[in-house]
PDB file of all heavy atoms in Angstrom:
ATOM      1  N   PRO A   1      -8.813  18.393   0.041  1.00  0.00           N
ATOM      2  CA  PRO A   1      -7.943  18.756   1.172  1.00  0.00           C
ATOM      3  C   PRO A   1      -7.797  17.663   2.236  1.00  0.00           C
ATOM      4  O   PRO A   1      -7.260  17.934   3.324  1.00  0.00           O
ATOM      5  CB  PRO A   1      -8.655  19.980   1.762  1.00  0.00           C
ATOM      6  CG  PRO A   1     -10.098  19.762   1.466  1.00  0.00           C
ATOM      7  CD  PRO A   1     -10.147  19.034   0.155  1.00  0.00           C
ATOM      8  N   VAL A   2      -8.250  16.439   1.983  1.00  0.00           N
ATOM      9  CA  VAL A   2      -8.202  15.389   3.001  1.00  0.00           C
ATOM     10  C   VAL A   2      -6.760  15.052   3.345  1.00  0.00           C
ATOM     11  O   VAL A   2      -5.907  14.881   2.463  1.00  0.00           O
ATOM     12  CB  VAL A   2      -8.941  14.123   2.502  1.00  0.00           C
ATOM     13  CG1 VAL A   2      -8.639  12.934   3.393  1.00  0.00           C
ATOM     14  CG2 VAL A   2     -10.437  14.370   2.462  1.00  0.00           C
ATOM     15  N   ARG A   3      -6.479  14.957   4.653  1.00  0.00           N
ATOM     16  CA  ARG A   3      -5.159  14.559   5.141  1.00  0.00           C
ATOM     17  C   ARG A   3      -5.165  13.046   5.348  1.00  0.00           C
ATOM     18  O   ARG A   3      -5.929  12.521   6.160  1.00  0.00           O
ATOM     19  CB  ARG A   3      -4.832  15.291   6.438  1.00  0.00           C
ATOM     20  CG  ARG A   3      -4.651  16.787   6.235  1.00  0.00           C
ATOM     21  CD  ARG A   3      -4.465  17.530   7.541  1.00  0.00           C
ATOM     22  NE  ARG A   3      -5.728  17.616   8.294  1.00  0.00           N
ATOM     23  CZ  ARG A   3      -6.667  18.525   8.044  1.00  0.00           C
ATOM     24  NH1 ARG A   3      -6.497  19.418   7.064  1.00  0.00           N
ATOM     25  NH2 ARG A   3      -7.784  18.560   8.754  1.00  0.00           N
ATOM     26  N   LYS A   4      -4.300  12.359   4.610  1.00  0.00           N
ATOM     27  CA  LYS A   4      -4.260  10.907   4.638  1.00  0.00           C
ATOM     28  C   LYS A   4      -3.692  10.404   5.965  1.00  0.00           C
ATOM     29  O   LYS A   4      -2.886  11.073   6.612  1.00  0.00           O
ATOM     30  CB  LYS A   4      -3.385  10.373   3.494  1.00  0.00           C
ATOM     31  CG  LYS A   4      -3.956  10.612   2.101  1.00  0.00           C
ATOM     32  CD  LYS A   4      -4.869   9.464   1.708  1.00  0.00           C
ATOM     33  CE  LYS A   4      -5.279   9.577   0.250  1.00  0.00           C
ATOM     34  NZ  LYS A   4      -6.136   8.459  -0.191  1.00  0.00           N
ATOM     35  N   LEU A   5      -4.101   9.209   6.340  1.00  0.00           N
ATOM     36  CA  LEU A   5      -3.545   8.568   7.528  1.00  0.00           C
ATOM     37  C   LEU A   5      -2.149   8.061   7.198  1.00  0.00           C
ATOM     38  O   LEU A   5      -1.889   7.577   6.091  1.00  0.00           O
ATOM     39  CB  LEU A   5      -4.431   7.393   7.950  1.00  0.00           C
ATOM     40  CG  LEU A   5      -4.082   6.705   9.269  1.00  0.00           C
ATOM     41  CD1 LEU A   5      -4.402   7.619  10.440  1.00  0.00           C
ATOM     42  CD2 LEU A   5      -4.843   5.390   9.405  1.00  0.00           C
ATOM     43  N   ALA A   6      -1.248   8.178   8.145  1.00  0.00           N
ATOM     44  CA  ALA A   6       0.126   7.724   7.914  1.00  0.00           C
ATOM     45  C   ALA A   6       0.149   6.217   7.680  1.00  0.00           C
ATOM     46  O   ALA A   6      -0.684   5.472   8.197  1.00  0.00           O
ATOM     47  CB  ALA A   6       0.999   8.080   9.121  1.00  0.00           C
ATOM     48  N   GLU A   7       1.137   5.781   6.878  1.00  0.00           N
ATOM     49  CA  GLU A   7       1.267   4.352   6.603  1.00  0.00           C
ATOM     50  C   GLU A   7       1.534   3.584   7.902  1.00  0.00           C
ATOM     51  O   GLU A   7       2.243   4.053   8.790  1.00  0.00           O
ATOM     52  CB  GLU A   7       2.414   4.111   5.613  1.00  0.00           C
ATOM     53  CG  GLU A   7       2.061   4.405   4.167  1.00  0.00           C
ATOM     54  CD  GLU A   7       1.206   3.294   3.548  1.00  0.00           C
ATOM     55  OE1 GLU A   7       0.942   2.296   4.248  1.00  0.00           O
ATOM     56  OE2 GLU A   7       0.811   3.445   2.386  1.00  0.00           O
ATOM     57  N   ARG A   8       0.976   2.405   7.987  1.00  0.00           N
ATOM     58  CA  ARG A   8       1.201   1.562   9.161  1.00  0.00           C
ATOM     59  C   ARG A   8       2.619   1.004   9.125  1.00  0.00           C
ATOM     60  O   ARG A   8       3.199   0.807   8.059  1.00  0.00           O
ATOM     61  CB  ARG A   8       0.199   0.404   9.179  1.00  0.00           C
ATOM     62  CG  ARG A   8      -1.253   0.849   9.203  1.00  0.00           C
ATOM     63  CD  ARG A   8      -2.175  -0.357   9.295  1.00  0.00           C
ATOM     64  NE  ARG A   8      -3.577   0.067   9.233  1.00  0.00           N
ATOM     65  CZ  ARG A   8      -4.286   0.145   8.119  1.00  0.00           C
ATOM     66  NH1 ARG A   8      -3.713  -0.169   6.969  1.00  0.00           N
ATOM     67  NH2 ARG A   8      -5.548   0.543   8.142  1.00  0.00           N
ATOM     68  N   PRO A   9       3.177   0.707  10.299  1.00  0.00           N
ATOM     69  CA  PRO A   9       4.510   0.093  10.311  1.00  0.00           C
ATOM     70  C   PRO A   9       4.473  -1.299   9.685  1.00  0.00           C
ATOM     71  O   PRO A   9       3.427  -1.936   9.590  1.00  0.00           O
ATOM     72  CB  PRO A   9       4.851   0.023  11.811  1.00  0.00           C
ATOM     73  CG  PRO A   9       3.540   0.096  12.514  1.00  0.00           C
ATOM     74  CD  PRO A   9       2.652   0.944  11.654  1.00  0.00           C
ATOM     75  N   VAL A  10       5.659  -1.758   9.264  1.00  0.00           N
ATOM     76  CA  VAL A  10       5.751  -3.077   8.639  1.00  0.00           C
ATOM     77  C   VAL A  10       5.314  -4.139   9.645  1.00  0.00           C
ATOM     78  O   VAL A  10       5.763  -4.153  10.794  1.00  0.00           O
ATOM     79  CB  VAL A  10       7.192  -3.348   8.164  1.00  0.00           C
ATOM     80  CG1 VAL A  10       7.314  -4.764   7.591  1.00  0.00           C
ATOM     81  CG2 VAL A  10       7.602  -2.324   7.122  1.00  0.00           C
ATOM     82  N   TRP A  11       4.415  -5.022   9.193  1.00  0.00           N
ATOM     83  CA  TRP A  11       3.905  -6.069  10.095  1.00  0.00           C
ATOM     84  C   TRP A  11       4.763  -7.308   9.968  1.00  0.00           C
ATOM     85  O   TRP A  11       5.100  -7.750   8.866  1.00  0.00           O
ATOM     86  CB  TRP A  11       2.461  -6.417   9.726  1.00  0.00           C
ATOM     87  CG  TRP A  11       1.907  -7.542  10.553  1.00  0.00           C
ATOM     88  CD1 TRP A  11       1.521  -7.483  11.849  1.00  0.00           C
ATOM     89  CD2 TRP A  11       1.698  -8.888  10.132  1.00  0.00           C
ATOM     90  NE1 TRP A  11       1.076  -8.702  12.278  1.00  0.00           N
ATOM     91  CE2 TRP A  11       1.173  -9.588  11.239  1.00  0.00           C
ATOM     92  CE3 TRP A  11       1.906  -9.584   8.935  1.00  0.00           C
ATOM     93  CZ2 TRP A  11       0.852 -10.947  11.190  1.00  0.00           C
ATOM     94  CZ3 TRP A  11       1.579 -10.921   8.878  1.00  0.00           C
ATOM     95  CH2 TRP A  11       1.057 -11.592   9.988  1.00  0.00           C
ATOM     96  N   LEU A  12       5.117  -7.872  11.121  1.00  0.00           N
ATOM     97  CA  LEU A  12       5.900  -9.104  11.156  1.00  0.00           C
ATOM     98  C   LEU A  12       5.023 -10.219  11.696  1.00  0.00           C
ATOM     99  O   LEU A  12       4.311 -10.042  12.690  1.00  0.00           O
ATOM    100  CB  LEU A  12       7.125  -8.930  12.059  1.00  0.00           C
ATOM    101  CG  LEU A  12       8.096  -7.799  11.666  1.00  0.00           C
ATOM    102  CD1 LEU A  12       9.204  -7.689  12.686  1.00  0.00           C
ATOM    103  CD2 LEU A  12       8.668  -8.058  10.283  1.00  0.00           C
ATOM    104  N   SER A  13       5.047 -11.377  11.032  1.00  0.00           N
ATOM    105  CA  SER A  13       4.245 -12.495  11.514  1.00  0.00           C
ATOM    106  C   SER A  13       4.733 -12.999  12.861  1.00  0.00           C
ATOM    107  O   SER A  13       4.006 -13.683  13.577  1.00  0.00           O
ATOM    108  CB  SER A  13       4.265 -13.634  10.488  1.00  0.00           C
ATOM    109  OG  SER A  13       5.605 -14.039  10.237  1.00  0.00           O
ATOM    110  N   SER A  14       5.969 -12.662  13.217  1.00  0.00           N
ATOM    111  CA  SER A  14       6.494 -12.994  14.541  1.00  0.00           C
ATOM    112  C   SER A  14       7.469 -11.904  14.945  1.00  0.00           C
ATOM    113  O   SER A  14       8.253 -11.422  14.125  1.00  0.00           O
ATOM    114  CB  SER A  14       7.202 -14.363  14.532  1.00  0.00           C
ATOM    115  OG  SER A  14       7.854 -14.595  15.767  1.00  0.00           O
ATOM    116  N   GLU A  15       7.440 -11.519  16.226  1.00  0.00           N
ATOM    117  CA  GLU A  15       8.321 -10.439  16.682  1.00  0.00           C
ATOM    118  C   GLU A  15       9.784 -10.859  16.652  1.00  0.00           C
ATOM    119  O   GLU A  15      10.677 -10.029  16.661  1.00  0.00           O
ATOM    120  CB  GLU A  15       7.925 -10.029  18.103  1.00  0.00           C
ATOM    121  CG  GLU A  15       6.536  -9.407  18.174  1.00  0.00           C
ATOM    122  CD  GLU A  15       6.173  -9.015  19.598  1.00  0.00           C
ATOM    123  OE1 GLU A  15       7.001  -9.269  20.498  1.00  0.00           O
ATOM    124  OE2 GLU A  15       5.077  -8.462  19.790  1.00  0.00           O
ATOM    125  N   GLY A  16      10.040 -12.158  16.614  1.00  0.00           N
ATOM    126  CA  GLY A  16      11.423 -12.625  16.610  1.00  0.00           C
ATOM    127  C   GLY A  16      12.077 -12.564  15.249  1.00  0.00           C
ATOM    128  O   GLY A  16      13.285 -12.767  15.138  1.00  0.00           O
ATOM    129  N   ARG A  17      11.282 -12.291  14.201  1.00  0.00           N
ATOM    130  CA  ARG A  17      11.854 -12.263  12.866  1.00  0.00           C
ATOM    131  C   ARG A  17      12.306 -10.843  12.522  1.00  0.00           C
ATOM    132  O   ARG A  17      11.562  -9.885  12.720  1.00  0.00           O
ATOM    133  CB  ARG A  17      10.835 -12.739  11.832  1.00  0.00           C
ATOM    134  CG  ARG A  17      10.409 -14.185  12.033  1.00  0.00           C
ATOM    135  CD  ARG A  17       9.582 -14.668  10.851  1.00  0.00           C
ATOM    136  NE  ARG A  17       9.120 -16.031  11.072  1.00  0.00           N
ATOM    137  CZ  ARG A  17       7.936 -16.355  11.556  1.00  0.00           C
ATOM    138  NH1 ARG A  17       7.084 -15.407  11.867  1.00  0.00           N
ATOM    139  NH2 ARG A  17       7.605 -17.619  11.726  1.00  0.00           N
ATOM    140  N   PRO A  18      13.495 -10.711  11.969  1.00  0.00           N
ATOM    141  CA  PRO A  18      13.957  -9.361  11.603  1.00  0.00           C
ATOM    142  C   PRO A  18      13.287  -8.886  10.319  1.00  0.00           C
ATOM    143  O   PRO A  18      12.830  -9.680   9.506  1.00  0.00           O
ATOM    144  CB  PRO A  18      15.466  -9.565  11.391  1.00  0.00           C
ATOM    145  CG  PRO A  18      15.582 -11.002  10.956  1.00  0.00           C
ATOM    146  CD  PRO A  18      14.514 -11.751  11.700  1.00  0.00           C
ATOM    147  N   VAL A  19      13.252  -7.572  10.163  1.00  0.00           N
ATOM    148  CA  VAL A  19      12.733  -6.991   8.931  1.00  0.00           C
ATOM    149  C   VAL A  19      13.741  -7.224   7.816  1.00  0.00           C
ATOM    150  O   VAL A  19      14.944  -7.090   8.012  1.00  0.00           O
ATOM    151  CB  VAL A  19      12.473  -5.480   9.109  1.00  0.00           C
ATOM    152  CG1 VAL A  19      11.937  -4.872   7.825  1.00  0.00           C
ATOM    153  CG2 VAL A  19      11.536  -5.248  10.257  1.00  0.00           C
ATOM    154  N   SER A  20      13.227  -7.600   6.632  1.00  0.00           N
ATOM    155  CA  SER A  20      14.122  -7.857   5.506  1.00  0.00           C
ATOM    156  C   SER A  20      14.872  -6.589   5.135  1.00  0.00           C
ATOM    157  O   SER A  20      14.327  -5.483   5.154  1.00  0.00           O
ATOM    158  CB  SER A  20      13.311  -8.349   4.306  1.00  0.00           C
ATOM    159  OG  SER A  20      14.136  -8.476   3.173  1.00  0.00           O
ATOM    160  N   ASP A  21      16.177  -6.750   4.812  1.00  0.00           N
ATOM    161  CA  ASP A  21      16.986  -5.603   4.408  1.00  0.00           C
ATOM    162  C   ASP A  21      16.595  -5.096   3.020  1.00  0.00           C
ATOM    163  O   ASP A  21      16.842  -3.947   2.677  1.00  0.00           O
ATOM    164  CB  ASP A  21      18.473  -5.995   4.401  1.00  0.00           C
ATOM    165  CG  ASP A  21      18.974  -6.336   5.801  1.00  0.00           C
ATOM    166  OD1 ASP A  21      18.396  -5.806   6.770  1.00  0.00           O
ATOM    167  OD2 ASP A  21      19.922  -7.140   5.913  1.00  0.00           O
ATOM    168  N   LEU A  22      15.988  -5.981   2.217  1.00  0.00           N
ATOM    169  CA  LEU A  22      15.624  -5.580   0.867  1.00  0.00           C
ATOM    170  C   LEU A  22      14.299  -4.825   0.892  1.00  0.00           C
ATOM    171  O   LEU A  22      13.377  -5.186   1.633  1.00  0.00           O
ATOM    172  CB  LEU A  22      15.494  -6.809  -0.034  1.00  0.00           C
ATOM    173  CG  LEU A  22      16.779  -7.627  -0.226  1.00  0.00           C
ATOM    174  CD1 LEU A  22      16.484  -8.880  -1.039  1.00  0.00           C
ATOM    175  CD2 LEU A  22      17.846  -6.789  -0.907  1.00  0.00           C
ATOM    176  N   PRO A  23      14.192  -3.791   0.105  1.00  0.00           N
ATOM    177  CA  PRO A  23      12.920  -3.041   0.060  1.00  0.00           C
ATOM    178  C   PRO A  23      11.852  -3.880  -0.636  1.00  0.00           C
ATOM    179  O   PRO A  23      12.165  -4.780  -1.418  1.00  0.00           O
ATOM    180  CB  PRO A  23      13.273  -1.796  -0.756  1.00  0.00           C
ATOM    181  CG  PRO A  23      14.415  -2.239  -1.623  1.00  0.00           C
ATOM    182  CD  PRO A  23      15.205  -3.225  -0.801  1.00  0.00           C
ATOM    183  N   PRO A  24      10.598  -3.581  -0.355  1.00  0.00           N
ATOM    184  CA  PRO A  24       9.528  -4.327  -1.037  1.00  0.00           C
ATOM    185  C   PRO A  24       9.509  -4.029  -2.531  1.00  0.00           C
ATOM    186  O   PRO A  24       9.907  -2.950  -2.977  1.00  0.00           O
ATOM    187  CB  PRO A  24       8.254  -3.807  -0.359  1.00  0.00           C
ATOM    188  CG  PRO A  24       8.625  -2.471   0.168  1.00  0.00           C
ATOM    189  CD  PRO A  24      10.066  -2.560   0.563  1.00  0.00           C
ATOM    190  N   VAL A  25       9.051  -4.975  -3.322  1.00  0.00           N
ATOM    191  CA  VAL A  25       8.959  -4.800  -4.766  1.00  0.00           C
ATOM    192  C   VAL A  25       7.884  -3.766  -5.067  1.00  0.00           C
ATOM    193  O   VAL A  25       6.787  -3.796  -4.501  1.00  0.00           O
ATOM    194  CB  VAL A  25       8.619  -6.142  -5.450  1.00  0.00           C
ATOM    195  CG1 VAL A  25       8.419  -5.947  -6.953  1.00  0.00           C
ATOM    196  CG2 VAL A  25       9.715  -7.150  -5.181  1.00  0.00           C
ATOM    197  N   GLU A  26       8.215  -2.857  -5.937  1.00  0.00           N
ATOM    198  CA  GLU A  26       7.258  -1.830  -6.312  1.00  0.00           C
ATOM    199  C   GLU A  26       6.212  -2.424  -7.260  1.00  0.00           C
ATOM    200  O   GLU A  26       6.556  -2.996  -8.295  1.00  0.00           O
ATOM    201  CB  GLU A  26       7.965  -0.657  -6.997  1.00  0.00           C
ATOM    202  CG  GLU A  26       8.880   0.141  -6.077  1.00  0.00           C
ATOM    203  CD  GLU A  26       8.087   0.891  -5.015  1.00  0.00           C
ATOM    204  OE1 GLU A  26       6.902   1.198  -5.279  1.00  0.00           O
ATOM    205  OE2 GLU A  26       8.644   1.156  -3.935  1.00  0.00           O
ATOM    206  N   ILE A  27       4.952  -2.289  -6.909  1.00  0.00           N
ATOM    207  CA  ILE A  27       3.865  -2.788  -7.755  1.00  0.00           C
ATOM    208  C   ILE A  27       3.450  -1.679  -8.699  1.00  0.00           C
ATOM    209  O   ILE A  27       3.155  -0.562  -8.263  1.00  0.00           O
ATOM    210  CB  ILE A  27       2.674  -3.230  -6.897  1.00  0.00           C
ATOM    211  CG1 ILE A  27       3.125  -4.342  -5.940  1.00  0.00           C
ATOM    212  CG2 ILE A  27       1.515  -3.688  -7.758  1.00  0.00           C
ATOM    213  CD1 ILE A  27       2.046  -4.792  -4.989  1.00  0.00           C
ATOM    214  N   PRO A  28       3.458  -1.937  -9.998  1.00  0.00           N
ATOM    215  CA  PRO A  28       3.076  -0.869 -10.940  1.00  0.00           C
ATOM    216  C   PRO A  28       1.638  -0.436 -10.718  1.00  0.00           C
ATOM    217  O   PRO A  28       0.761  -1.249 -10.413  1.00  0.00           O
ATOM    218  CB  PRO A  28       3.255  -1.529 -12.315  1.00  0.00           C
ATOM    219  CG  PRO A  28       3.176  -2.999 -12.045  1.00  0.00           C
ATOM    220  CD  PRO A  28       3.747  -3.205 -10.671  1.00  0.00           C
ATOM    221  N   ALA A  29       1.426   0.870 -10.850  1.00  0.00           N
ATOM    222  CA  ALA A  29       0.078   1.412 -10.656  1.00  0.00           C
ATOM    223  C   ALA A  29      -0.817   0.986 -11.814  1.00  0.00           C
ATOM    224  O   ALA A  29      -0.367   0.780 -12.936  1.00  0.00           O
ATOM    225  CB  ALA A  29       0.142   2.938 -10.559  1.00  0.00           C
ATOM    226  N   SER A  30      -2.109   0.868 -11.526  1.00  0.00           N
ATOM    227  CA  SER A  30      -3.076   0.501 -12.559  1.00  0.00           C
ATOM    228  C   SER A  30      -3.236   1.642 -13.546  1.00  0.00           C
ATOM    229  O   SER A  30      -2.996   2.810 -13.231  1.00  0.00           O
ATOM    230  CB  SER A  30      -4.429   0.168 -11.925  1.00  0.00           C
ATOM    231  OG  SER A  30      -4.283  -0.880 -11.003  1.00  0.00           O
ATOM    232  N   ALA A  31      -3.637   1.290 -14.746  1.00  0.00           N
ATOM    233  CA  ALA A  31      -3.875   2.320 -15.761  1.00  0.00           C
ATOM    234  C   ALA A  31      -4.983   3.240 -15.285  1.00  0.00           C
ATOM    235  O   ALA A  31      -5.968   2.786 -14.706  1.00  0.00           O
ATOM    236  CB  ALA A  31      -4.265   1.661 -17.080  1.00  0.00           C
ATOM    237  N   PRO A  32      -4.821   4.537 -15.494  1.00  0.00           N
ATOM    238  CA  PRO A  32      -5.866   5.465 -15.036  1.00  0.00           C
ATOM    239  C   PRO A  32      -7.192   5.219 -15.741  1.00  0.00           C
ATOM    240  O   PRO A  32      -7.231   4.931 -16.928  1.00  0.00           O
ATOM    241  CB  PRO A  32      -5.294   6.844 -15.388  1.00  0.00           C
ATOM    242  CG  PRO A  32      -4.311   6.570 -16.487  1.00  0.00           C
ATOM    243  CD  PRO A  32      -3.743   5.214 -16.214  1.00  0.00           C
ATOM    244  N   ILE A  33      -8.248   5.318 -14.989  1.00  0.00           N
ATOM    245  CA  ILE A  33      -9.595   5.117 -15.518  1.00  0.00           C
ATOM    246  C   ILE A  33     -10.405   6.369 -15.240  1.00  0.00           C
ATOM    247  O   ILE A  33     -10.274   6.986 -14.186  1.00  0.00           O
ATOM    248  CB  ILE A  33     -10.263   3.901 -14.850  1.00  0.00           C
ATOM    249  CG1 ILE A  33      -9.434   2.648 -15.152  1.00  0.00           C
ATOM    250  CG2 ILE A  33     -11.679   3.718 -15.330  1.00  0.00           C
ATOM    251  CD1 ILE A  33      -9.959   1.409 -14.480  1.00  0.00           C
ATOM    252  N   GLU A  34     -11.226   6.719 -16.199  1.00  0.00           N
ATOM    253  CA  GLU A  34     -12.040   7.918 -16.017  1.00  0.00           C
ATOM    254  C   GLU A  34     -12.875   7.783 -14.752  1.00  0.00           C
ATOM    255  O   GLU A  34     -13.484   6.747 -14.506  1.00  0.00           O
ATOM    256  CB  GLU A  34     -12.947   8.103 -17.228  1.00  0.00           C
ATOM    257  CG  GLU A  34     -12.169   8.389 -18.506  1.00  0.00           C
ATOM    258  CD  GLU A  34     -13.116   8.606 -19.668  1.00  0.00           C
ATOM    259  OE1 GLU A  34     -14.323   8.765 -19.416  1.00  0.00           O
ATOM    260  OE2 GLU A  34     -12.647   8.636 -20.809  1.00  0.00           O
ATOM    261  N   PRO A  35     -12.924   8.848 -13.955  1.00  0.00           N
ATOM    262  CA  PRO A  35     -13.644   8.750 -12.682  1.00  0.00           C
ATOM    263  C   PRO A  35     -15.099   8.352 -12.831  1.00  0.00           C
ATOM    264  O   PRO A  35     -15.629   7.619 -12.017  1.00  0.00           O
ATOM    265  CB  PRO A  35     -13.517  10.169 -12.103  1.00  0.00           C
ATOM    266  CG  PRO A  35     -12.311  10.749 -12.777  1.00  0.00           C
ATOM    267  CD  PRO A  35     -12.279  10.147 -14.143  1.00  0.00           C
ATOM    268  N   ASP A  36     -15.765   8.824 -13.880  1.00  0.00           N
ATOM    269  CA  ASP A  36     -17.202   8.584 -13.949  1.00  0.00           C
ATOM    270  C   ASP A  36     -17.543   7.186 -14.439  1.00  0.00           C
ATOM    271  O   ASP A  36     -18.702   6.857 -14.585  1.00  0.00           O
ATOM    272  CB  ASP A  36     -17.875   9.606 -14.863  1.00  0.00           C
ATOM    273  CG  ASP A  36     -17.306   9.557 -16.274  1.00  0.00           C
ATOM    274  OD1 ASP A  36     -16.240   8.948 -16.465  1.00  0.00           O
ATOM    275  OD2 ASP A  36     -17.937  10.133 -17.160  1.00  0.00           O
ATOM    276  N   VAL A  37     -16.548   6.334 -14.707  1.00  0.00           N
ATOM    277  CA  VAL A  37     -16.868   4.978 -15.122  1.00  0.00           C
ATOM    278  C   VAL A  37     -16.565   3.982 -14.016  1.00  0.00           C
ATOM    279  O   VAL A  37     -16.745   2.805 -14.176  1.00  0.00           O
ATOM    280  CB  VAL A  37     -16.095   4.571 -16.396  1.00  0.00           C
ATOM    281  CG1 VAL A  37     -16.405   5.511 -17.511  1.00  0.00           C
ATOM    282  CG2 VAL A  37     -14.606   4.494 -16.143  1.00  0.00           C
ATOM    283  N   THR A  38     -16.063   4.455 -12.892  1.00  0.00           N
ATOM    284  CA  THR A  38     -15.877   3.549 -11.759  1.00  0.00           C
ATOM    285  C   THR A  38     -17.097   3.628 -10.886  1.00  0.00           C
ATOM    286  O   THR A  38     -17.774   4.630 -10.813  1.00  0.00           O
ATOM    287  CB  THR A  38     -14.631   3.952 -10.951  1.00  0.00           C
ATOM    288  OG1 THR A  38     -14.840   5.263 -10.444  1.00  0.00           O
ATOM    289  CG2 THR A  38     -13.389   3.911 -11.801  1.00  0.00           C
ATOM    290  N   ASP A  39     -17.383   2.544 -10.250  1.00  0.00           N
ATOM    291  CA  ASP A  39     -18.559   2.522  -9.380  1.00  0.00           C
ATOM    292  C   ASP A  39     -18.257   1.598  -8.236  1.00  0.00           C
ATOM    293  O   ASP A  39     -17.202   1.007  -8.176  1.00  0.00           O
ATOM    294  CB  ASP A  39     -19.796   2.084 -10.168  1.00  0.00           C
ATOM    295  CG  ASP A  39     -21.022   2.777  -9.627  1.00  0.00           C
ATOM    296  OD1 ASP A  39     -21.415   2.423  -8.524  1.00  0.00           O
ATOM    297  OD2 ASP A  39     -21.547   3.657 -10.317  1.00  0.00           O
ATOM    298  N   GLY A  40     -19.182   1.428  -7.316  1.00  0.00           N
ATOM    299  CA  GLY A  40     -18.714   0.756  -6.151  1.00  0.00           C
ATOM    300  C   GLY A  40     -19.625  -0.150  -5.408  1.00  0.00           C
ATOM    301  O   GLY A  40     -20.788  -0.276  -5.656  1.00  0.00           O
ATOM    302  N   ASN A  41     -18.969  -0.800  -4.469  1.00  0.00           N
ATOM    303  CA  ASN A  41     -19.676  -1.670  -3.544  1.00  0.00           C
ATOM    304  C   ASN A  41     -20.452  -0.823  -2.558  1.00  0.00           C
ATOM    305  O   ASN A  41     -20.120   0.323  -2.316  1.00  0.00           O
ATOM    306  CB  ASN A  41     -18.648  -2.546  -2.818  1.00  0.00           C
ATOM    307  CG  ASN A  41     -19.307  -3.599  -2.002  1.00  0.00           C
ATOM    308  OD1 ASN A  41     -20.442  -3.945  -2.250  1.00  0.00           O
ATOM    309  ND2 ASN A  41     -18.589  -4.107  -1.026  1.00  0.00           N
TER     310      ASN A  41
END
């Protein structure tokens, strides 16, 4: 039931630069991995 934090606004390296009209390239999702084989830092 966790409510995710809203996505942050697009970051610009300079306020004088306009946001690109083109949408960002969609990065394909990683292949699903069984939960019990992932581990962590």
